[in-house]
N, C-alpha and C. Protein backbone atom coordinates (compact mmCIF):
# COMPACT_ATOMS: atom_id res chain seq x y z
N MET A 1 0.71 -1.34 -0.08
CA MET A 1 0.19 -0.16 0.04
C MET A 1 0.78 1.09 0.19
N LEU A 2 0.50 2.20 -0.86
CA LEU A 2 1.34 3.41 -0.80
C LEU A 2 0.96 4.39 0.24
N THR A 3 1.94 4.92 0.70
CA THR A 3 1.82 5.91 1.91
C THR A 3 1.95 7.38 1.25
N ALA A 4 1.59 8.42 2.21
CA ALA A 4 1.58 9.68 1.53
C ALA A 4 2.90 10.09 1.13
N ALA A 5 4.11 9.59 1.86
CA ALA A 5 5.42 9.91 1.48
C ALA A 5 5.61 9.29 -0.10
N ASP A 6 5.14 8.01 -0.17
CA ASP A 6 5.55 7.57 -1.63
C ASP A 6 4.73 8.10 -2.62
N THR A 7 3.64 8.58 -2.68
CA THR A 7 2.80 9.39 -3.60
C THR A 7 3.54 10.62 -3.67
N ASP A 8 3.97 11.27 -2.73
CA ASP A 8 4.74 12.57 -2.85
C ASP A 8 5.92 12.20 -3.75
N ILE A 9 6.76 11.26 -3.55
CA ILE A 9 8.00 10.85 -4.34
C ILE A 9 7.63 10.83 -5.83
N GLU A 10 6.29 10.06 -6.01
CA GLU A 10 5.82 9.83 -7.36
C GLU A 10 5.44 10.95 -7.91
N VAL A 11 4.75 11.91 -7.25
CA VAL A 11 4.27 13.14 -7.85
C VAL A 11 5.56 14.06 -8.17
N ARG A 12 6.53 14.00 -7.43
CA ARG A 12 7.52 15.04 -7.33
C ARG A 12 8.47 14.57 -8.49
N SER A 13 8.40 13.30 -8.83
CA SER A 13 9.30 12.64 -9.98
C SER A 13 8.86 13.25 -11.17
N LEU A 14 7.77 13.61 -11.62
CA LEU A 14 7.23 14.40 -12.53
C LEU A 14 7.91 15.71 -12.97
N ASP A 15 8.53 16.46 -11.84
CA ASP A 15 9.25 17.62 -12.05
C ASP A 15 10.36 17.43 -12.81
N THR A 16 10.78 18.54 -13.32
CA THR A 16 12.14 18.49 -14.26
C THR A 16 13.05 19.56 -13.86
N MET A 17 13.72 19.08 -12.83
CA MET A 17 14.88 20.11 -12.17
C MET A 17 16.02 19.36 -12.30
N GLY A 18 17.03 19.87 -12.52
CA GLY A 18 18.31 19.43 -12.62
C GLY A 18 18.63 18.68 -11.34
N ILE A 19 19.45 17.59 -11.09
CA ILE A 19 19.66 16.97 -10.04
C ILE A 19 20.23 17.92 -8.91
N ASN A 20 21.23 18.67 -9.05
CA ASN A 20 21.88 19.54 -8.29
C ASN A 20 21.47 21.04 -8.30
N GLU A 21 20.66 21.45 -9.12
CA GLU A 21 19.99 22.73 -9.06
C GLU A 21 19.49 23.16 -8.01
N SER A 22 18.74 22.52 -7.11
CA SER A 22 18.13 22.96 -5.78
C SER A 22 19.27 23.30 -4.87
N ARG A 23 20.56 22.82 -5.05
CA ARG A 23 21.58 23.07 -4.02
C ARG A 23 22.51 24.14 -4.44
N LEU A 24 22.30 24.77 -5.69
CA LEU A 24 23.32 25.71 -6.08
C LEU A 24 22.74 27.19 -5.59
N THR A 25 23.68 28.11 -5.31
CA THR A 25 23.22 29.33 -4.96
C THR A 25 24.03 30.30 -6.24
N HIS A 26 23.49 31.22 -6.66
CA HIS A 26 23.82 32.17 -7.68
C HIS A 26 23.78 33.53 -7.17
N LYS A 27 24.77 34.41 -8.16
CA LYS A 27 24.72 35.70 -7.83
C LYS A 27 23.45 36.30 -8.46
N TRP A 28 23.06 37.55 -8.07
CA TRP A 28 21.97 38.24 -8.61
C TRP A 28 21.98 38.32 -10.17
N TYR A 29 22.96 38.47 -10.61
CA TYR A 29 23.12 38.62 -12.27
C TYR A 29 23.00 37.23 -13.00
N HIS A 30 22.71 36.18 -12.27
CA HIS A 30 22.89 34.74 -12.96
C HIS A 30 21.71 34.66 -13.89
N ASN A 31 20.37 35.39 -13.58
CA ASN A 31 19.16 35.10 -14.27
C ASN A 31 19.21 36.01 -15.52
N ILE A 32 20.02 36.88 -15.81
CA ILE A 32 19.96 37.82 -16.89
C ILE A 32 20.01 37.06 -18.23
N LYS A 33 20.99 35.88 -18.38
CA LYS A 33 20.85 35.39 -19.51
C LYS A 33 19.60 34.82 -19.89
N TYR A 34 18.89 34.28 -19.03
CA TYR A 34 17.30 33.86 -19.23
C TYR A 34 16.38 35.06 -19.68
N LEU A 35 16.67 36.39 -19.02
CA LEU A 35 15.99 37.48 -19.47
C LEU A 35 16.30 37.72 -20.97
N LEU A 36 17.64 37.78 -21.47
CA LEU A 36 17.94 38.12 -22.72
C LEU A 36 17.55 37.09 -23.75
N VAL A 37 17.68 35.98 -23.37
CA VAL A 37 17.20 34.65 -24.19
C VAL A 37 15.41 34.94 -24.51
N GLY A 38 14.96 35.36 -23.30
CA GLY A 38 13.42 35.50 -23.39
C GLY A 38 13.04 36.68 -24.18
N ILE A 39 13.72 37.85 -24.16
CA ILE A 39 13.54 38.80 -24.98
C ILE A 39 13.79 38.58 -26.54
N ALA A 40 14.73 37.96 -26.78
CA ALA A 40 15.19 37.49 -28.06
C ALA A 40 13.79 36.55 -28.72
N PHE A 41 13.29 35.53 -27.68
CA PHE A 41 12.31 34.69 -27.95
C PHE A 41 11.08 35.52 -28.38
N GLY A 42 10.77 36.42 -27.47
CA GLY A 42 9.62 37.30 -27.70
C GLY A 42 9.52 37.81 -29.08
N ILE A 43 10.77 38.49 -29.47
CA ILE A 43 10.96 39.26 -30.58
C ILE A 43 10.76 38.25 -32.00
N VAL A 44 11.20 37.10 -31.87
CA VAL A 44 10.88 35.92 -32.85
C VAL A 44 9.33 35.84 -32.85
N PHE A 45 9.04 35.51 -31.57
CA PHE A 45 7.49 35.16 -31.68
C PHE A 45 6.43 36.45 -32.29
N VAL A 46 6.92 37.54 -32.03
CA VAL A 46 6.17 38.80 -32.86
C VAL A 46 6.31 38.74 -34.11
N LYS A 47 7.61 38.83 -34.74
CA LYS A 47 8.10 38.69 -36.11
C LYS A 47 7.40 37.57 -36.88
N ALA A 48 7.40 36.32 -36.09
CA ALA A 48 6.58 35.26 -37.01
C ALA A 48 5.22 35.09 -36.68
N GLU A 49 4.65 35.97 -36.19
CA GLU A 49 3.04 36.36 -36.00
C GLU A 49 2.51 35.21 -35.29
N ILE A 50 3.37 34.71 -34.35
CA ILE A 50 2.84 33.28 -33.50
C ILE A 50 1.93 33.95 -32.11
N ILE A 51 2.05 35.00 -32.10
CA ILE A 51 1.31 35.52 -30.96
C ILE A 51 0.25 36.51 -31.33
N SER A 52 -0.16 36.40 -32.57
CA SER A 52 -1.31 37.15 -33.17
C SER A 52 -2.47 36.48 -32.92
N TRP A 53 -3.43 37.00 -32.23
CA TRP A 53 -4.79 36.41 -31.92
C TRP A 53 -5.42 35.94 -33.26
N TYR A 54 -5.26 36.63 -34.07
CA TYR A 54 -5.94 36.23 -35.30
C TYR A 54 -5.23 34.97 -35.94
N ARG A 55 -4.04 34.71 -36.04
CA ARG A 55 -3.26 33.57 -36.51
C ARG A 55 -3.82 32.36 -35.43
N ILE A 56 -3.96 32.74 -34.36
CA ILE A 56 -4.53 31.51 -33.47
C ILE A 56 -5.83 30.99 -33.76
N GLN A 57 -6.66 32.04 -34.06
CA GLN A 57 -8.18 31.90 -34.41
C GLN A 57 -8.01 31.20 -35.61
N GLU A 58 -7.26 31.50 -36.58
CA GLU A 58 -7.26 30.72 -37.95
C GLU A 58 -6.96 29.40 -37.74
N MET A 59 -5.99 29.05 -36.95
CA MET A 59 -5.46 27.57 -36.55
C MET A 59 -6.63 26.71 -36.13
N PHE A 60 -7.44 27.41 -35.12
CA PHE A 60 -8.44 26.77 -34.45
C PHE A 60 -9.66 26.67 -35.29
N ARG A 61 -9.89 27.39 -36.29
CA ARG A 61 -10.95 27.45 -37.40
C ARG A 61 -10.27 26.53 -38.58
N LEU A 62 -9.27 26.22 -38.65
CA LEU A 62 -8.70 25.25 -39.75
C LEU A 62 -8.64 25.96 -40.90
N GLN A 63 -8.16 27.41 -40.71
CA GLN A 63 -8.22 28.20 -41.97
C GLN A 63 -6.89 28.54 -42.53
N SER A 64 -5.97 28.21 -41.84
CA SER A 64 -4.49 28.62 -42.34
C SER A 64 -3.58 27.61 -41.83
N PHE A 65 -2.63 27.28 -42.48
CA PHE A 65 -1.32 26.18 -42.16
C PHE A 65 -0.37 27.03 -41.50
N HIS A 66 -0.28 28.21 -41.28
CA HIS A 66 0.95 28.97 -40.61
C HIS A 66 1.08 28.51 -39.02
N MET A 67 0.26 28.48 -38.24
CA MET A 67 0.52 27.96 -36.90
C MET A 67 0.62 26.46 -36.82
N TYR A 68 0.01 25.41 -37.72
CA TYR A 68 0.36 24.29 -37.70
C TYR A 68 1.85 23.90 -38.27
N GLY A 69 2.33 24.75 -39.17
CA GLY A 69 3.71 24.80 -39.69
C GLY A 69 4.71 24.99 -38.64
N VAL A 70 4.41 25.98 -37.70
CA VAL A 70 5.37 26.50 -36.81
C VAL A 70 5.41 25.30 -35.63
N ILE A 71 4.02 24.77 -35.44
CA ILE A 71 4.20 23.79 -34.32
C ILE A 71 4.66 22.53 -34.81
N GLY A 72 4.58 22.03 -36.09
CA GLY A 72 5.10 21.01 -36.72
C GLY A 72 6.79 21.12 -36.61
N SER A 73 7.22 22.26 -37.09
CA SER A 73 8.52 22.52 -37.24
C SER A 73 9.29 22.31 -35.66
N ALA A 74 8.45 22.89 -34.65
CA ALA A 74 8.96 22.68 -33.49
C ALA A 74 9.00 21.17 -32.92
N ILE A 75 8.11 20.29 -33.36
CA ILE A 75 7.92 18.99 -33.08
C ILE A 75 9.28 18.20 -33.56
N VAL A 76 9.46 18.43 -34.98
CA VAL A 76 10.61 17.86 -35.84
C VAL A 76 11.92 18.08 -35.25
N ILE A 77 12.19 19.50 -34.89
CA ILE A 77 13.23 20.07 -34.37
C ILE A 77 13.49 19.45 -32.66
N GLY A 78 12.35 19.36 -32.09
CA GLY A 78 12.63 18.60 -30.71
C GLY A 78 12.80 17.10 -30.75
N ALA A 79 12.27 16.65 -31.66
CA ALA A 79 12.54 15.09 -32.09
C ALA A 79 13.93 14.84 -32.29
N ILE A 80 14.34 15.55 -33.34
CA ILE A 80 15.97 15.60 -33.63
C ILE A 80 16.72 15.77 -32.72
N SER A 81 16.40 16.73 -31.96
CA SER A 81 17.16 17.01 -30.75
C SER A 81 17.41 16.16 -29.51
N VAL A 82 16.13 15.43 -29.30
CA VAL A 82 16.30 14.28 -28.47
C VAL A 82 17.17 13.14 -29.04
N TRP A 83 17.02 12.77 -30.31
CA TRP A 83 17.79 11.80 -30.95
C TRP A 83 19.20 12.16 -30.80
N ILE A 84 19.71 13.50 -31.09
CA ILE A 84 21.08 13.77 -30.80
C ILE A 84 21.58 13.57 -29.59
N ILE A 85 20.65 14.19 -28.39
CA ILE A 85 21.16 13.84 -27.11
C ILE A 85 21.39 12.61 -26.57
N LYS A 86 20.44 11.57 -27.17
CA LYS A 86 20.56 10.23 -26.60
C LYS A 86 21.97 9.59 -27.50
N LYS A 87 21.70 9.81 -28.79
CA LYS A 87 23.03 9.22 -29.51
C LYS A 87 24.39 9.63 -29.05
N PHE A 88 24.54 10.93 -28.68
CA PHE A 88 26.11 11.29 -28.24
C PHE A 88 26.19 11.62 -27.00
N LYS A 89 24.99 11.25 -26.21
CA LYS A 89 25.15 11.08 -24.75
C LYS A 89 25.54 12.46 -24.17
N ILE A 90 24.99 13.60 -24.78
CA ILE A 90 25.29 15.06 -24.31
C ILE A 90 24.71 15.19 -23.13
N LYS A 91 25.64 15.95 -22.24
CA LYS A 91 25.29 16.32 -20.89
C LYS A 91 24.85 17.84 -20.85
N SER A 92 24.12 18.29 -19.55
CA SER A 92 23.51 19.48 -19.39
C SER A 92 24.77 20.21 -19.23
N ILE A 93 24.38 21.63 -19.25
CA ILE A 93 25.07 22.80 -19.05
C ILE A 93 26.11 22.55 -17.77
N ASP A 94 25.38 21.98 -16.78
CA ASP A 94 25.94 21.62 -15.59
C ASP A 94 26.81 20.34 -15.41
N GLY A 95 26.94 19.70 -16.59
CA GLY A 95 27.72 18.48 -16.67
C GLY A 95 27.04 17.15 -16.27
N GLU A 96 25.57 17.35 -16.18
CA GLU A 96 24.87 16.24 -15.55
C GLU A 96 24.26 15.39 -16.61
N GLN A 97 24.34 13.97 -16.61
CA GLN A 97 23.93 13.31 -17.64
C GLN A 97 22.31 13.60 -17.68
N ILE A 98 22.00 13.57 -19.02
CA ILE A 98 20.50 13.88 -19.45
C ILE A 98 19.83 12.45 -19.55
N GLU A 99 18.68 12.41 -18.72
CA GLU A 99 18.03 11.20 -18.79
C GLU A 99 16.55 11.35 -19.35
N PHE A 100 16.13 10.43 -19.97
CA PHE A 100 14.64 10.36 -20.47
C PHE A 100 13.91 9.50 -19.78
N LYS A 101 13.22 9.50 -18.99
CA LYS A 101 12.31 8.49 -18.54
C LYS A 101 11.00 8.28 -18.87
N LYS A 102 10.32 7.17 -19.20
CA LYS A 102 9.10 6.78 -19.61
C LYS A 102 8.26 7.03 -18.29
N HIS A 103 7.17 7.71 -18.82
CA HIS A 103 6.00 8.02 -17.48
C HIS A 103 4.76 7.38 -18.19
N PRO A 104 4.22 6.78 -17.31
CA PRO A 104 2.65 5.99 -17.78
C PRO A 104 1.81 6.93 -18.18
N PHE A 105 1.02 6.74 -19.36
CA PHE A 105 0.10 7.65 -19.76
C PHE A 105 -1.29 7.46 -18.70
N ASN A 106 -1.76 8.78 -18.50
CA ASN A 106 -2.92 8.66 -17.51
C ASN A 106 -3.95 9.70 -17.90
N LYS A 107 -5.25 9.50 -17.56
CA LYS A 107 -6.26 10.34 -17.99
C LYS A 107 -6.18 11.89 -17.68
N GLY A 108 -5.40 12.05 -16.59
CA GLY A 108 -5.32 13.45 -16.07
C GLY A 108 -4.58 14.40 -17.39
N GLN A 109 -3.87 13.51 -18.22
CA GLN A 109 -3.28 14.21 -19.22
C GLN A 109 -4.24 14.79 -20.30
N ILE A 110 -5.39 13.93 -20.38
CA ILE A 110 -6.46 14.22 -21.38
C ILE A 110 -7.21 15.63 -20.92
N TYR A 111 -7.43 15.34 -19.68
CA TYR A 111 -8.31 16.67 -18.83
C TYR A 111 -7.34 17.87 -19.11
N GLY A 112 -6.11 17.75 -18.69
CA GLY A 112 -5.14 18.84 -18.80
C GLY A 112 -5.07 19.41 -20.15
N GLY A 113 -4.92 18.66 -21.14
CA GLY A 113 -4.81 19.10 -22.65
C GLY A 113 -6.34 19.76 -23.11
N LEU A 114 -7.20 19.20 -22.70
CA LEU A 114 -8.60 19.84 -23.20
C LEU A 114 -8.69 21.15 -22.35
N LEU A 115 -8.17 21.35 -21.13
CA LEU A 115 -8.37 22.74 -20.33
C LEU A 115 -7.40 23.51 -21.05
N PHE A 116 -6.23 23.21 -21.27
CA PHE A 116 -5.23 24.19 -22.04
C PHE A 116 -5.74 24.72 -23.18
N GLY A 117 -6.07 23.69 -24.02
CA GLY A 117 -6.61 23.95 -25.54
C GLY A 117 -7.99 24.78 -25.51
N LEU A 118 -8.87 24.61 -24.61
CA LEU A 118 -9.97 25.57 -24.30
C LEU A 118 -9.28 26.91 -23.93
N GLY A 119 -8.75 27.06 -23.03
CA GLY A 119 -8.16 28.39 -22.71
C GLY A 119 -7.32 29.08 -23.87
N TRP A 120 -6.79 28.35 -24.47
CA TRP A 120 -5.92 28.86 -25.62
C TRP A 120 -6.95 29.35 -26.60
N ALA A 121 -7.82 28.60 -27.02
CA ALA A 121 -8.83 29.03 -28.05
C ALA A 121 -9.53 30.16 -27.45
N ILE A 122 -10.09 30.32 -26.28
CA ILE A 122 -10.78 31.38 -25.82
C ILE A 122 -10.14 32.69 -25.89
N THR A 123 -8.90 32.50 -25.17
CA THR A 123 -7.97 33.87 -25.09
C THR A 123 -7.06 34.21 -26.29
N GLY A 124 -6.73 33.25 -27.10
CA GLY A 124 -5.89 33.54 -28.42
C GLY A 124 -4.50 33.68 -27.70
N ALA A 125 -4.24 32.89 -26.46
CA ALA A 125 -2.92 33.02 -26.19
C ALA A 125 -2.54 31.93 -25.13
N CYS A 126 -1.48 31.10 -25.44
CA CYS A 126 -1.05 30.20 -24.61
C CYS A 126 0.13 30.80 -23.50
N PRO A 127 0.61 30.17 -22.37
CA PRO A 127 1.23 30.87 -21.53
C PRO A 127 2.69 31.45 -21.99
N GLY A 128 3.27 30.69 -23.09
CA GLY A 128 4.64 31.26 -23.53
C GLY A 128 4.56 32.57 -24.17
N PRO A 129 3.76 33.03 -24.97
CA PRO A 129 3.72 34.46 -25.54
C PRO A 129 2.99 35.40 -24.84
N LEU A 130 2.36 35.31 -23.59
CA LEU A 130 1.69 36.17 -23.09
C LEU A 130 2.55 37.60 -22.69
N TYR A 131 3.86 37.35 -22.30
CA TYR A 131 4.86 38.49 -22.03
C TYR A 131 4.92 39.17 -23.44
N ALA A 132 5.15 38.51 -24.30
CA ALA A 132 5.32 39.07 -25.80
C ALA A 132 4.16 39.96 -26.10
N GLN A 133 2.94 39.59 -26.04
CA GLN A 133 1.62 40.16 -26.22
C GLN A 133 1.57 41.42 -25.35
N ILE A 134 2.02 41.45 -24.12
CA ILE A 134 1.63 42.53 -23.35
C ILE A 134 2.76 43.57 -23.78
N GLY A 135 4.16 43.03 -24.12
CA GLY A 135 5.13 43.97 -24.80
C GLY A 135 4.52 44.50 -25.88
N THR A 136 3.91 44.07 -26.60
CA THR A 136 3.37 44.83 -28.03
C THR A 136 2.23 45.60 -27.57
N GLY A 137 1.75 45.92 -26.59
CA GLY A 137 0.83 46.70 -26.14
C GLY A 137 -0.59 46.24 -25.97
N ALA A 138 -0.74 44.89 -26.08
CA ALA A 138 -1.77 44.24 -25.89
C ALA A 138 -2.26 44.19 -24.56
N THR A 139 -2.31 45.30 -23.61
CA THR A 139 -2.35 45.22 -22.12
C THR A 139 -3.51 44.21 -21.49
N VAL A 140 -4.71 44.03 -22.42
CA VAL A 140 -5.83 43.42 -21.94
C VAL A 140 -5.43 42.13 -21.55
N VAL A 141 -4.16 41.33 -22.18
CA VAL A 141 -3.55 40.17 -21.90
C VAL A 141 -3.20 39.77 -20.39
N VAL A 142 -3.09 41.22 -19.85
CA VAL A 142 -2.77 41.08 -18.32
C VAL A 142 -3.79 40.17 -17.52
N VAL A 143 -5.02 40.09 -18.13
CA VAL A 143 -6.00 39.42 -17.52
C VAL A 143 -5.58 38.00 -17.92
N THR A 144 -5.47 37.50 -18.92
CA THR A 144 -5.00 36.27 -19.32
C THR A 144 -3.65 35.77 -18.38
N LEU A 145 -2.59 36.77 -18.03
CA LEU A 145 -1.48 36.43 -17.44
C LEU A 145 -1.96 36.10 -16.02
N ILE A 146 -2.86 37.22 -15.41
CA ILE A 146 -3.31 36.75 -14.00
C ILE A 146 -4.06 35.62 -13.85
N SER A 147 -4.98 35.23 -14.98
CA SER A 147 -5.74 33.91 -14.71
C SER A 147 -4.74 32.76 -14.89
N ALA A 148 -3.78 32.80 -15.63
CA ALA A 148 -2.71 31.74 -15.88
C ALA A 148 -1.98 31.41 -14.51
N ILE A 149 -1.63 32.68 -13.92
CA ILE A 149 -0.89 32.54 -12.59
C ILE A 149 -1.86 31.96 -11.48
N ALA A 150 -2.98 32.45 -11.57
CA ALA A 150 -4.06 31.71 -10.57
C ALA A 150 -4.36 30.28 -10.83
N GLY A 151 -4.52 29.96 -12.02
CA GLY A 151 -4.58 28.56 -12.51
C GLY A 151 -3.27 27.61 -12.25
N THR A 152 -2.06 28.20 -12.13
CA THR A 152 -1.05 27.55 -11.68
C THR A 152 -1.13 27.24 -10.29
N TRP A 153 -1.38 28.19 -9.54
CA TRP A 153 -1.56 28.34 -8.16
C TRP A 153 -2.40 27.13 -7.68
N VAL A 154 -3.68 27.42 -8.38
CA VAL A 154 -4.90 26.22 -7.89
C VAL A 154 -4.38 24.99 -8.27
N TYR A 155 -3.58 24.64 -9.19
CA TYR A 155 -2.92 23.34 -9.68
C TYR A 155 -2.20 22.99 -8.47
N GLY A 156 -1.14 23.90 -8.28
CA GLY A 156 -0.36 23.55 -7.17
C GLY A 156 -0.84 23.12 -5.74
N TYR A 157 -1.93 23.75 -5.34
CA TYR A 157 -2.78 23.61 -4.21
C TYR A 157 -3.37 22.18 -4.05
N PHE A 158 -3.94 21.73 -5.59
CA PHE A 158 -4.79 20.54 -5.52
C PHE A 158 -3.88 19.45 -6.00
N ARG A 159 -2.77 19.80 -6.28
CA ARG A 159 -1.90 18.73 -7.27
C ARG A 159 -2.02 17.28 -6.70
N GLU A 160 -1.79 17.01 -5.44
CA GLU A 160 -1.55 15.90 -4.60
C GLU A 160 -2.97 14.98 -4.87
N LYS A 161 -3.99 15.84 -5.17
CA LYS A 161 -5.38 15.09 -5.19
C LYS A 161 -5.72 14.80 -6.53
N LEU A 162 -4.93 15.31 -7.51
CA LEU A 162 -5.31 15.07 -8.80
C LEU A 162 -4.76 13.79 -9.45
N PRO A 163 -5.41 13.29 -10.59
CA PRO A 163 -4.95 11.93 -11.18
C PRO A 163 -3.64 12.39 -12.03
N HIS A 164 -2.58 11.81 -11.41
CA HIS A 164 -1.29 11.87 -12.11
C HIS A 164 -0.92 10.62 -12.86
């Protein structure tokens, strides 16, 4: 029989944090590189029009291939990247071995995917480009950002009671 401690370990194993990351301490400027990459990523999102509400609506109405091309390209690049990491046993930037663990499929993934897709279709925004949308002057997206943060908090609060 599983105890609460066993369940916690199983739920936490779904997290993706480097083995030693939680023990590292960094200077205040450590995260500037992430800020710069995020800004560059946002500029690419804006220029590629993948933060456009109209492009997202076209995708959900099956009126344009643009977003499917972007998503399909990301899947292909991701698959090739995983293959390269496995083939050449590439290590993380901290020198740790990168491991790919198989997790069993469960119905919670279906519920989460449906909820995510519904929110994406209604708001025209997934969590990644929210900041880029706000940066372009679409300040109404702040409501979506606050909702995403609230949803994340609610998930964290109920996480251990949800089907994982």
